Amino acid sequence: MYQRWFSPEQVAGRIPLLTNLRSISHETIYKYTKRSATYRSRGQIKNRISIDFRPAIVEKKSRVGDLKVDTIIGKNHRQAIVTLVDRNSKFTLMKQVKPNKQEL
């Protein structure tokens, strides 16, 4: 809340007055506010289309070829698996891939 209207230095000065915390450095507050902006966008697909626009027939699972695609990211982002599952037949393909460290 405060990072929108006050500087990290001002917030650091007010926290002991408003909470039970003794103190917090303005550097810690600055790092948190900078991190939270990138943290919120983590894992988001650029130019994605919402599933709200998915055709209704896909939900019926009545035709072969409507795939569900997922990515499983391993511990410390060192490994990844991409899965494709046909919604009708449940035919599943899985492939281990190297995570793109620039995007993670």
PDB file of N, CA and C in Angstrom:
ATOM      1  N   MET A   1       0.824  -1.186   0.000  1.00  0.00           N
ATOM      2  CA  MET A   1       0.000   0.000   0.000  1.00  0.00           C
ATOM      3  C   MET A   1       0.867   1.248   0.000  1.00  0.00           C
ATOM      4  N   TYR A   2       1.856   1.334   0.872  1.00  0.00           N
ATOM      5  CA  TYR A   2       2.652   2.547   0.979  1.00  0.00           C
ATOM      6  C   TYR A   2       3.565   2.781  -0.208  1.00  0.00           C
ATOM      7  N   GLN A   3       4.003   1.716  -0.899  1.00  0.00           N
ATOM      8  CA  GLN A   3       4.957   1.907  -1.980  1.00  0.00           C
ATOM      9  C   GLN A   3       4.389   2.752  -3.117  1.00  0.00           C
ATOM     10  N   ARG A   4       3.086   2.941  -3.170  1.00  0.00           N
ATOM     11  CA  ARG A   4       2.492   3.754  -4.226  1.00  0.00           C
ATOM     12  C   ARG A   4       2.578   5.247  -3.918  1.00  0.00           C
ATOM     13  N   TRP A   5       2.599   5.607  -2.650  1.00  0.00           N
ATOM     14  CA  TRP A   5       2.527   7.012  -2.294  1.00  0.00           C
ATOM     15  C   TRP A   5       3.737   7.531  -1.546  1.00  0.00           C
ATOM     16  N   PHE A   6       4.509   6.662  -0.933  1.00  0.00           N
ATOM     17  CA  PHE A   6       5.645   7.093  -0.137  1.00  0.00           C
ATOM     18  C   PHE A   6       6.928   6.448  -0.640  1.00  0.00           C
ATOM     19  N   SER A   7       8.027   7.092  -0.383  1.00  0.00           N
ATOM     20  CA  SER A   7       9.319   6.514  -0.751  1.00  0.00           C
ATOM     21  C   SER A   7       9.655   5.387   0.224  1.00  0.00           C
ATOM     22  N   PRO A   8      10.563   4.482  -0.167  1.00  0.00           N
ATOM     23  CA  PRO A   8      10.978   3.425   0.758  1.00  0.00           C
ATOM     24  C   PRO A   8      11.544   3.977   2.065  1.00  0.00           C
ATOM     25  N   GLU A   9      12.208   5.118   2.010  1.00  0.00           N
ATOM     26  CA  GLU A   9      12.749   5.731   3.226  1.00  0.00           C
ATOM     27  C   GLU A   9      11.630   6.171   4.163  1.00  0.00           C
ATOM     28  N   GLN A  10      10.576   6.747   3.595  1.00  0.00           N
ATOM     29  CA  GLN A  10       9.453   7.194   4.404  1.00  0.00           C
ATOM     30  C   GLN A  10       8.722   6.004   5.026  1.00  0.00           C
ATOM     31  N   VAL A  11       8.555   4.949   4.261  1.00  0.00           N
ATOM     32  CA  VAL A  11       7.887   3.758   4.782  1.00  0.00           C
ATOM     33  C   VAL A  11       8.710   3.156   5.910  1.00  0.00           C
ATOM     34  N   ALA A  12      10.030   3.073   5.710  1.00  0.00           N
ATOM     35  CA  ALA A  12      10.907   2.512   6.744  1.00  0.00           C
ATOM     36  C   ALA A  12      10.800   3.311   8.042  1.00  0.00           C
ATOM     37  N   GLY A  13      10.625   4.611   7.935  1.00  0.00           N
ATOM     38  CA  GLY A  13      10.480   5.439   9.125  1.00  0.00           C
ATOM     39  C   GLY A  13       9.135   5.270   9.815  1.00  0.00           C
ATOM     40  N   ARG A  14       8.074   4.969   9.060  1.00  0.00           N
ATOM     41  CA  ARG A  14       6.731   4.843   9.625  1.00  0.00           C
ATOM     42  C   ARG A  14       6.433   3.463  10.198  1.00  0.00           C
ATOM     43  N   ILE A  15       7.048   2.420   9.657  1.00  0.00           N
ATOM     44  CA  ILE A  15       6.731   1.055  10.094  1.00  0.00           C
ATOM     45  C   ILE A  15       6.875   0.862  11.599  1.00  0.00           C
ATOM     46  N   PRO A  16       7.952   1.330  12.242  1.00  0.00           N
ATOM     47  CA  PRO A  16       8.047   1.135  13.693  1.00  0.00           C
ATOM     48  C   PRO A  16       6.935   1.861  14.461  1.00  0.00           C
ATOM     49  N   LEU A  17       6.422   2.933  13.906  1.00  0.00           N
ATOM     50  CA  LEU A  17       5.357   3.687  14.574  1.00  0.00           C
ATOM     51  C   LEU A  17       3.990   3.011  14.414  1.00  0.00           C
ATOM     52  N   LEU A  18       3.809   2.250  13.348  1.00  0.00           N
ATOM     53  CA  LEU A  18       2.509   1.666  13.036  1.00  0.00           C
ATOM     54  C   LEU A  18       2.400   0.173  13.338  1.00  0.00           C
ATOM     55  N   THR A  19       3.530  -0.483  13.568  1.00  0.00           N
ATOM     56  CA  THR A  19       3.513  -1.933  13.784  1.00  0.00           C
ATOM     57  C   THR A  19       4.354  -2.295  15.000  1.00  0.00           C
ATOM     58  N   ASN A  20       4.444  -3.583  15.281  1.00  0.00           N
ATOM     59  CA  ASN A  20       5.281  -4.075  16.370  1.00  0.00           C
ATOM     60  C   ASN A  20       6.725  -4.306  15.938  1.00  0.00           C
ATOM     61  N   LEU A  21       7.019  -4.067  14.674  1.00  0.00           N
ATOM     62  CA  LEU A  21       8.385  -4.252  14.192  1.00  0.00           C
ATOM     63  C   LEU A  21       9.275  -3.133  14.700  1.00  0.00           C
ATOM     64  N   ARG A  22      10.511  -3.468  15.013  1.00  0.00           N
ATOM     65  CA  ARG A  22      11.439  -2.443  15.488  1.00  0.00           C
ATOM     66  C   ARG A  22      11.892  -1.544  14.347  1.00  0.00           C
ATOM     67  N   SER A  23      12.353  -2.176  13.256  1.00  0.00           N
ATOM     68  CA  SER A  23      12.765  -1.388  12.097  1.00  0.00           C
ATOM     69  C   SER A  23      12.916  -2.298  10.897  1.00  0.00           C
ATOM     70  N   ILE A  24      12.947  -1.680   9.755  1.00  0.00           N
ATOM     71  CA  ILE A  24      13.202  -2.380   8.496  1.00  0.00           C
ATOM     72  C   ILE A  24      13.933  -1.389   7.602  1.00  0.00           C
ATOM     73  N   SER A  25      14.892  -1.871   6.860  1.00  0.00           N
ATOM     74  CA  SER A  25      15.686  -0.945   6.041  1.00  0.00           C
ATOM     75  C   SER A  25      14.927  -0.553   4.777  1.00  0.00           C
ATOM     76  N   HIS A  26      15.221   0.642   4.307  1.00  0.00           N
ATOM     77  CA  HIS A  26      14.582   1.095   3.071  1.00  0.00           C
ATOM     78  C   HIS A  26      15.042   0.259   1.879  1.00  0.00           C
ATOM     79  N   GLU A  27      16.265  -0.316   1.945  1.00  0.00           N
ATOM     80  CA  GLU A  27      16.741  -1.189   0.868  1.00  0.00           C
ATOM     81  C   GLU A  27      15.877  -2.439   0.768  1.00  0.00           C
ATOM     82  N   THR A  28      15.493  -3.002   1.917  1.00  0.00           N
ATOM     83  CA  THR A  28      14.635  -4.187   1.926  1.00  0.00           C
ATOM     84  C   THR A  28      13.269  -3.871   1.317  1.00  0.00           C
ATOM     85  N   ILE A  29      12.724  -2.729   1.654  1.00  0.00           N
ATOM     86  CA  ILE A  29      11.430  -2.318   1.101  1.00  0.00           C
ATOM     87  C   ILE A  29      11.543  -2.110  -0.398  1.00  0.00           C
ATOM     88  N   TYR A  30      12.602  -1.467  -0.834  1.00  0.00           N
ATOM     89  CA  TYR A  30      12.800  -1.230  -2.265  1.00  0.00           C
ATOM     90  C   TYR A  30      12.914  -2.551  -3.021  1.00  0.00           C
ATOM     91  N   LYS A  31      13.700  -3.492  -2.480  1.00  0.00           N
ATOM     92  CA  LYS A  31      13.850  -4.799  -3.134  1.00  0.00           C
ATOM     93  C   LYS A  31      12.520  -5.531  -3.206  1.00  0.00           C
ATOM     94  N   TYR A  32      11.736  -5.456  -2.152  1.00  0.00           N
ATOM     95  CA  TYR A  32      10.443  -6.134  -2.135  1.00  0.00           C
ATOM     96  C   TYR A  32       9.499  -5.554  -3.186  1.00  0.00           C
ATOM     97  N   THR A  33       9.418  -4.234  -3.262  1.00  0.00           N
ATOM     98  CA  THR A  33       8.503  -3.624  -4.232  1.00  0.00           C
ATOM     99  C   THR A  33       8.951  -3.902  -5.646  1.00  0.00           C
ATOM    100  N   LYS A  34      10.247  -3.912  -5.900  1.00  0.00           N
ATOM    101  CA  LYS A  34      10.758  -4.219  -7.243  1.00  0.00           C
ATOM    102  C   LYS A  34      10.500  -5.685  -7.574  1.00  0.00           C
ATOM    103  N   ARG A  35      10.705  -6.577  -6.606  1.00  0.00           N
ATOM    104  CA  ARG A  35      10.501  -8.008  -6.820  1.00  0.00           C
ATOM    105  C   ARG A  35       9.034  -8.331  -7.046  1.00  0.00           C
ATOM    106  N   SER A  36       8.147  -7.692  -6.299  1.00  0.00           N
ATOM    107  CA  SER A  36       6.735  -8.050  -6.393  1.00  0.00           C
ATOM    108  C   SER A  36       6.176  -7.750  -7.779  1.00  0.00           C
ATOM    109  N   ALA A  37       6.682  -6.738  -8.451  1.00  0.00           N
ATOM    110  CA  ALA A  37       6.208  -6.427  -9.800  1.00  0.00           C
ATOM    111  C   ALA A  37       6.580  -7.538 -10.773  1.00  0.00           C
ATOM    112  N   THR A  38       7.803  -8.033 -10.691  1.00  0.00           N
ATOM    113  CA  THR A  38       8.211  -9.117 -11.590  1.00  0.00           C
ATOM    114  C   THR A  38       7.623 -10.437 -11.138  1.00  0.00           C
ATOM    115  N   TYR A  39       7.425 -10.628  -9.850  1.00  0.00           N
ATOM    116  CA  TYR A  39       6.872 -11.882  -9.323  1.00  0.00           C
ATOM    117  C   TYR A  39       5.445 -12.109  -9.813  1.00  0.00           C
ATOM    118  N   ARG A  40       4.651 -11.031  -9.877  1.00  0.00           N
ATOM    119  CA  ARG A  40       3.267 -11.162 -10.324  1.00  0.00           C
ATOM    120  C   ARG A  40       3.177 -11.600 -11.780  1.00  0.00           C
ATOM    121  N   SER A  41       4.130 -11.208 -12.613  1.00  0.00           N
ATOM    122  CA  SER A  41       4.072 -11.552 -14.031  1.00  0.00           C
ATOM    123  C   SER A  41       4.766 -12.877 -14.336  1.00  0.00           C
ATOM    124  N   ARG A  42       5.361 -13.491 -13.334  1.00  0.00           N
ATOM    125  CA  ARG A  42       6.063 -14.748 -13.536  1.00  0.00           C
ATOM    126  C   ARG A  42       5.098 -15.847 -13.967  1.00  0.00           C
ATOM    127  N   GLY A  43       5.478 -16.584 -14.984  1.00  0.00           N
ATOM    128  CA  GLY A  43       4.664 -17.690 -15.451  1.00  0.00           C
ATOM    129  C   GLY A  43       3.514 -17.297 -16.359  1.00  0.00           C
ATOM    130  N   GLN A  44       3.425 -16.033 -16.730  1.00  0.00           N
ATOM    131  CA  GLN A  44       2.362 -15.569 -17.606  1.00  0.00           C
ATOM    132  C   GLN A  44       2.783 -15.705 -19.064  1.00  0.00           C
ATOM    133  N   ILE A  45       1.881 -16.157 -19.897  1.00  0.00           N
ATOM    134  CA  ILE A  45       2.134 -16.293 -21.320  1.00  0.00           C
ATOM    135  C   ILE A  45       1.812 -14.971 -21.995  1.00  0.00           C
ATOM    136  N   LYS A  46       2.737 -14.474 -22.789  1.00  0.00           N
ATOM    137  CA  LYS A  46       2.524 -13.215 -23.492  1.00  0.00           C
ATOM    138  C   LYS A  46       1.451 -13.400 -24.558  1.00  0.00           C
ATOM    139  N   ASN A  47       0.602 -12.411 -24.716  1.00  0.00           N
ATOM    140  CA  ASN A  47      -0.461 -12.401 -25.729  1.00  0.00           C
ATOM    141  C   ASN A  47      -1.394 -13.606 -25.621  1.00  0.00           C
ATOM    142  N   ARG A  48      -1.583 -14.101 -24.428  1.00  0.00           N
ATOM    143  CA  ARG A  48      -2.442 -15.271 -24.253  1.00  0.00           C
ATOM    144  C   ARG A  48      -3.906 -14.897 -24.475  1.00  0.00           C
ATOM    145  N   ILE A  49      -4.688 -15.903 -24.836  1.00  0.00           N
ATOM    146  CA  ILE A  49      -6.125 -15.735 -25.032  1.00  0.00           C
ATOM    147  C   ILE A  49      -6.818 -16.479 -23.907  1.00  0.00           C
ATOM    148  N   SER A  50      -7.722 -15.832 -23.249  1.00  0.00           N
ATOM    149  CA  SER A  50      -8.421 -16.409 -22.104  1.00  0.00           C
ATOM    150  C   SER A  50      -9.232 -17.638 -22.507  1.00  0.00           C
ATOM    151  N   ILE A  51      -9.332 -18.605 -21.598  1.00  0.00           N
ATOM    152  CA  ILE A  51     -10.156 -19.778 -21.884  1.00  0.00           C
ATOM    153  C   ILE A  51     -11.628 -19.420 -21.961  1.00  0.00           C
ATOM    154  N   ASP A  52     -11.984 -18.214 -21.557  1.00  0.00           N
ATOM    155  CA  ASP A  52     -13.368 -17.760 -21.701  1.00  0.00           C
ATOM    156  C   ASP A  52     -13.791 -17.715 -23.164  1.00  0.00           C
ATOM    157  N   PHE A  53     -12.809 -17.624 -24.073  1.00  0.00           N
ATOM    158  CA  PHE A  53     -13.095 -17.554 -25.503  1.00  0.00           C
ATOM    159  C   PHE A  53     -12.984 -18.920 -26.178  1.00  0.00           C
ATOM    160  N   ARG A  54     -12.800 -19.976 -25.405  1.00  0.00           N
ATOM    161  CA  ARG A  54     -12.707 -21.327 -25.955  1.00  0.00           C
ATOM    162  C   ARG A  54     -14.093 -21.756 -26.442  1.00  0.00           C
ATOM    163  N   PRO A  55     -14.167 -22.413 -27.608  1.00  0.00           N
ATOM    164  CA  PRO A  55     -15.470 -22.858 -28.106  1.00  0.00           C
ATOM    165  C   PRO A  55     -16.152 -23.818 -27.125  1.00  0.00           C
ATOM    166  N   ALA A  56     -17.455 -23.740 -27.019  1.00  0.00           N
ATOM    167  CA  ALA A  56     -18.221 -24.556 -26.070  1.00  0.00           C
ATOM    168  C   ALA A  56     -18.082 -26.042 -26.354  1.00  0.00           C
ATOM    169  N   ILE A  57     -17.888 -26.427 -27.602  1.00  0.00           N
ATOM    170  CA  ILE A  57     -17.785 -27.846 -27.950  1.00  0.00           C
ATOM    171  C   ILE A  57     -16.573 -28.510 -27.290  1.00  0.00           C
ATOM    172  N   VAL A  58     -15.553 -27.733 -26.989  1.00  0.00           N
ATOM    173  CA  VAL A  58     -14.354 -28.285 -26.348  1.00  0.00           C
ATOM    174  C   VAL A  58     -14.704 -28.847 -24.977  1.00  0.00           C
ATOM    175  N   GLU A  59     -15.595 -28.182 -24.261  1.00  0.00           N
ATOM    176  CA  GLU A  59     -16.001 -28.637 -22.928  1.00  0.00           C
ATOM    177  C   GLU A  59     -16.761 -29.965 -22.972  1.00  0.00           C
ATOM    178  N   LYS A  60     -17.389 -30.268 -24.093  1.00  0.00           N
ATOM    179  CA  LYS A  60     -18.139 -31.521 -24.233  1.00  0.00           C
ATOM    180  C   LYS A  60     -17.214 -32.732 -24.345  1.00  0.00           C
ATOM    181  N   LYS A  61     -15.974 -32.507 -24.722  1.00  0.00           N
ATOM    182  CA  LYS A  61     -14.979 -33.580 -24.875  1.00  0.00           C
ATOM    183  C   LYS A  61     -15.483 -34.673 -25.804  1.00  0.00           C
ATOM    184  N   SER A  62     -16.165 -34.254 -26.862  1.00  0.00           N
ATOM    185  CA  SER A  62     -16.783 -35.211 -27.778  1.00  0.00           C
ATOM    186  C   SER A  62     -15.974 -35.448 -29.046  1.00  0.00           C
ATOM    187  N   ARG A  63     -14.924 -34.696 -29.273  1.00  0.00           N
ATOM    188  CA  ARG A  63     -14.161 -34.870 -30.501  1.00  0.00           C
ATOM    189  C   ARG A  63     -12.678 -35.046 -30.201  1.00  0.00           C
ATOM    190  N   VAL A  64     -12.038 -35.830 -31.022  1.00  0.00           N
ATOM    191  CA  VAL A  64     -10.599 -36.065 -30.896  1.00  0.00           C
ATOM    192  C   VAL A  64      -9.870 -34.858 -31.486  1.00  0.00           C
ATOM    193  N   GLY A  65      -8.797 -34.464 -30.850  1.00  0.00           N
ATOM    194  CA  GLY A  65      -7.991 -33.363 -31.376  1.00  0.00           C
ATOM    195  C   GLY A  65      -8.010 -32.108 -30.521  1.00  0.00           C
ATOM    196  N   ASP A  66      -8.900 -32.056 -29.543  1.00  0.00           N
ATOM    197  CA  ASP A  66      -8.889 -30.936 -28.606  1.00  0.00           C
ATOM    198  C   ASP A  66      -7.915 -31.300 -27.492  1.00  0.00           C
ATOM    199  N   LEU A  67      -6.792 -30.613 -27.464  1.00  0.00           N
ATOM    200  CA  LEU A  67      -5.712 -30.971 -26.552  1.00  0.00           C
ATOM    201  C   LEU A  67      -5.660 -30.053 -25.346  1.00  0.00           C
ATOM    202  N   LYS A  68      -5.252 -30.631 -24.244  1.00  0.00           N
ATOM    203  CA  LYS A  68      -4.933 -29.858 -23.039  1.00  0.00           C
ATOM    204  C   LYS A  68      -3.414 -29.910 -22.927  1.00  0.00           C
ATOM    205  N   VAL A  69      -2.785 -28.752 -22.830  1.00  0.00           N
ATOM    206  CA  VAL A  69      -1.330 -28.663 -22.769  1.00  0.00           C
ATOM    207  C   VAL A  69      -0.933 -28.086 -21.417  1.00  0.00           C
ATOM    208  N   ASP A  70       0.018 -28.729 -20.766  1.00  0.00           N
ATOM    209  CA  ASP A  70       0.513 -28.259 -19.476  1.00  0.00           C
ATOM    210  C   ASP A  70       2.033 -28.329 -19.456  1.00  0.00           C
ATOM    211  N   THR A  71       2.614 -27.539 -18.597  1.00  0.00           N
ATOM    212  CA  THR A  71       4.055 -27.578 -18.366  1.00  0.00           C
ATOM    213  C   THR A  71       4.288 -27.852 -16.894  1.00  0.00           C
ATOM    214  N   ILE A  72       5.170 -28.794 -16.629  1.00  0.00           N
ATOM    215  CA  ILE A  72       5.547 -29.121 -15.253  1.00  0.00           C
ATOM    216  C   ILE A  72       6.986 -28.663 -15.078  1.00  0.00           C
ATOM    217  N   ILE A  73       7.207 -27.739 -14.166  1.00  0.00           N
ATOM    218  CA  ILE A  73       8.550 -27.209 -13.910  1.00  0.00           C
ATOM    219  C   ILE A  73       9.101 -27.897 -12.668  1.00  0.00           C
ATOM    220  N   GLY A  74      10.314 -28.412 -12.794  1.00  0.00           N
ATOM    221  CA  GLY A  74      10.942 -29.124 -11.686  1.00  0.00           C
ATOM    222  C   GLY A  74      11.567 -28.195 -10.656  1.00  0.00           C
ATOM    223  N   LYS A  75      12.088 -28.805  -9.619  1.00  0.00           N
ATOM    224  CA  LYS A  75      12.713 -28.083  -8.522  1.00  0.00           C
ATOM    225  C   LYS A  75      13.849 -27.203  -9.038  1.00  0.00           C
ATOM    226  N   ASN A  76      13.874 -25.983  -8.558  1.00  0.00           N
ATOM    227  CA  ASN A  76      14.897 -24.996  -8.925  1.00  0.00           C
ATOM    228  C   ASN A  76      14.926 -24.706 -10.421  1.00  0.00           C
ATOM    229  N   HIS A  77      13.837 -24.990 -11.107  1.00  0.00           N
ATOM    230  CA  HIS A  77      13.696 -24.696 -12.540  1.00  0.00           C
ATOM    231  C   HIS A  77      14.776 -25.373 -13.382  1.00  0.00           C
ATOM    232  N   ARG A  78      15.240 -26.532 -12.952  1.00  0.00           N
ATOM    233  CA  ARG A  78      16.303 -27.227 -13.681  1.00  0.00           C
ATOM    234  C   ARG A  78      15.764 -28.198 -14.719  1.00  0.00           C
ATOM    235  N   GLN A  79      14.538 -28.641 -14.564  1.00  0.00           N
ATOM    236  CA  GLN A  79      13.941 -29.569 -15.502  1.00  0.00           C
ATOM    237  C   GLN A  79      12.509 -29.152 -15.775  1.00  0.00           C
ATOM    238  N   ALA A  80      12.006 -29.585 -16.946  1.00  0.00           N
ATOM    239  CA  ALA A  80      10.617 -29.289 -17.282  1.00  0.00           C
ATOM    240  C   ALA A  80      10.070 -30.408 -18.157  1.00  0.00           C
ATOM    241  N   ILE A  81       8.770 -30.638 -18.038  1.00  0.00           N
ATOM    242  CA  ILE A  81       8.065 -31.617 -18.858  1.00  0.00           C
ATOM    243  C   ILE A  81       6.848 -30.917 -19.459  1.00  0.00           C
ATOM    244  N   VAL A  82       6.652 -31.101 -20.762  1.00  0.00           N
ATOM    245  CA  VAL A  82       5.461 -30.595 -21.435  1.00  0.00           C
ATOM    246  C   VAL A  82       4.547 -31.785 -21.675  1.00  0.00           C
ATOM    247  N   THR A  83       3.270 -31.649 -21.309  1.00  0.00           N
ATOM    248  CA  THR A  83       2.305 -32.727 -21.514  1.00  0.00           C
ATOM    249  C   THR A  83       1.203 -32.260 -22.449  1.00  0.00           C
ATOM    250  N   LEU A  84       0.771 -33.167 -23.316  1.00  0.00           N
ATOM    251  CA  LEU A  84      -0.365 -32.938 -24.198  1.00  0.00           C
ATOM    252  C   LEU A  84      -1.334 -34.090 -23.974  1.00  0.00           C
ATOM    253  N   VAL A  85      -2.575 -33.772 -23.653  1.00  0.00           N
ATOM    254  CA  VAL A  85      -3.585 -34.801 -23.393  1.00  0.00           C
ATOM    255  C   VAL A  85      -4.793 -34.507 -24.272  1.00  0.00           C
ATOM    256  N   ASP A  86      -5.189 -35.506 -25.077  1.00  0.00           N
ATOM    257  CA  ASP A  86      -6.404 -35.370 -25.868  1.00  0.00           C
ATOM    258  C   ASP A  86      -7.598 -35.455 -24.917  1.00  0.00           C
ATOM    259  N   ARG A  87      -8.483 -34.483 -24.980  1.00  0.00           N
ATOM    260  CA  ARG A  87      -9.606 -34.414 -24.043  1.00  0.00           C
ATOM    261  C   ARG A  87     -10.590 -35.569 -24.218  1.00  0.00           C
ATOM    262  N   ASN A  88     -10.690 -36.113 -25.422  1.00  0.00           N
ATOM    263  CA  ASN A  88     -11.645 -37.183 -25.679  1.00  0.00           C
ATOM    264  C   ASN A  88     -11.055 -38.555 -25.389  1.00  0.00           C
ATOM    265  N   SER A  89      -9.933 -38.861 -26.020  1.00  0.00           N
ATOM    266  CA  SER A  89      -9.367 -40.216 -25.917  1.00  0.00           C
ATOM    267  C   SER A  89      -8.429 -40.379 -24.723  1.00  0.00           C
ATOM    268  N   LYS A  90      -8.024 -39.282 -24.126  1.00  0.00           N
ATOM    269  CA  LYS A  90      -7.052 -39.256 -23.027  1.00  0.00           C
ATOM    270  C   LYS A  90      -5.658 -39.696 -23.479  1.00  0.00           C
ATOM    271  N   PHE A  91      -5.432 -39.768 -24.800  1.00  0.00           N
ATOM    272  CA  PHE A  91      -4.105 -40.082 -25.316  1.00  0.00           C
ATOM    273  C   PHE A  91      -3.154 -38.991 -24.828  1.00  0.00           C
ATOM    274  N   THR A  92      -2.031 -39.413 -24.264  1.00  0.00           N
ATOM    275  CA  THR A  92      -1.121 -38.479 -23.608  1.00  0.00           C
ATOM    276  C   THR A  92       0.280 -38.564 -24.205  1.00  0.00           C
ATOM    277  N   LEU A  93       0.855 -37.419 -24.471  1.00  0.00           N
ATOM    278  CA  LEU A  93       2.255 -37.315 -24.875  1.00  0.00           C
ATOM    279  C   LEU A  93       2.964 -36.486 -23.830  1.00  0.00           C
ATOM    280  N   MET A  94       4.176 -36.921 -23.462  1.00  0.00           N
ATOM    281  CA  MET A  94       4.990 -36.167 -22.502  1.00  0.00           C
ATOM    282  C   MET A  94       6.394 -36.058 -23.069  1.00  0.00           C
ATOM    283  N   LYS A  95       7.003 -34.898 -22.909  1.00  0.00           N
ATOM    284  CA  LYS A  95       8.355 -34.681 -23.408  1.00  0.00           C
ATOM    285  C   LYS A  95       9.128 -33.857 -22.399  1.00  0.00           C
ATOM    286  N   GLN A  96      10.301 -34.358 -22.023  1.00  0.00           N
ATOM    287  CA  GLN A  96      11.168 -33.566 -21.152  1.00  0.00           C
ATOM    288  C   GLN A  96      11.855 -32.518 -22.006  1.00  0.00           C
ATOM    289  N   VAL A  97      11.855 -31.293 -21.534  1.00  0.00           N
ATOM    290  CA  VAL A  97      12.471 -30.180 -22.257  1.00  0.00           C
ATOM    291  C   VAL A  97      13.386 -29.419 -21.312  1.00  0.00           C
ATOM    292  N   LYS A  98      14.306 -28.690 -21.882  1.00  0.00           N
ATOM    293  CA  LYS A  98      15.166 -27.832 -21.082  1.00  0.00           C
ATOM    294  C   LYS A  98      14.457 -26.510 -20.866  1.00  0.00           C
ATOM    295  N   PRO A  99      14.325 -26.057 -19.627  1.00  0.00           N
ATOM    296  CA  PRO A  99      13.677 -24.772 -19.379  1.00  0.00           C
ATOM    297  C   PRO A  99      14.501 -23.639 -19.974  1.00  0.00           C
ATOM    298  N   ASN A 100      13.815 -22.641 -20.500  1.00  0.00           N
ATOM    299  CA  ASN A 100      14.477 -21.445 -21.006  1.00  0.00           C
ATOM    300  C   ASN A 100      14.752 -20.538 -19.840  1.00  0.00           C
ATOM    301  N   LYS A 101      15.996 -20.487 -19.403  1.00  0.00           N
ATOM    302  CA  LYS A 101      16.337 -19.732 -18.183  1.00  0.00           C
ATOM    303  C   LYS A 101      16.140 -18.243 -18.345  1.00  0.00           C
ATOM    304  N   GLN A 102      16.115 -17.740 -19.582  1.00  0.00           N
ATOM    305  CA  GLN A 102      15.889 -16.322 -19.784  1.00  0.00           C
ATOM    306  C   GLN A 102      14.454 -15.933 -19.462  1.00  0.00           C
ATOM    307  N   GLU A 103      13.511 -16.851 -19.626  1.00  0.00           N
ATOM    308  CA  GLU A 103      12.104 -16.539 -19.394  1.00  0.00           C
ATOM    309  C   GLU A 103      11.647 -16.915 -18.009  1.00  0.00           C
ATOM    310  N   LEU A 104      12.425 -17.719 -17.275  1.00  0.00           N
ATOM    311  CA  LEU A 104      12.001 -18.165 -15.944  1.00  0.00           C
ATOM    312  C   LEU A 104      12.462 -17.232 -14.885  1.00  0.00           C
TER     313      LEU A 104
END
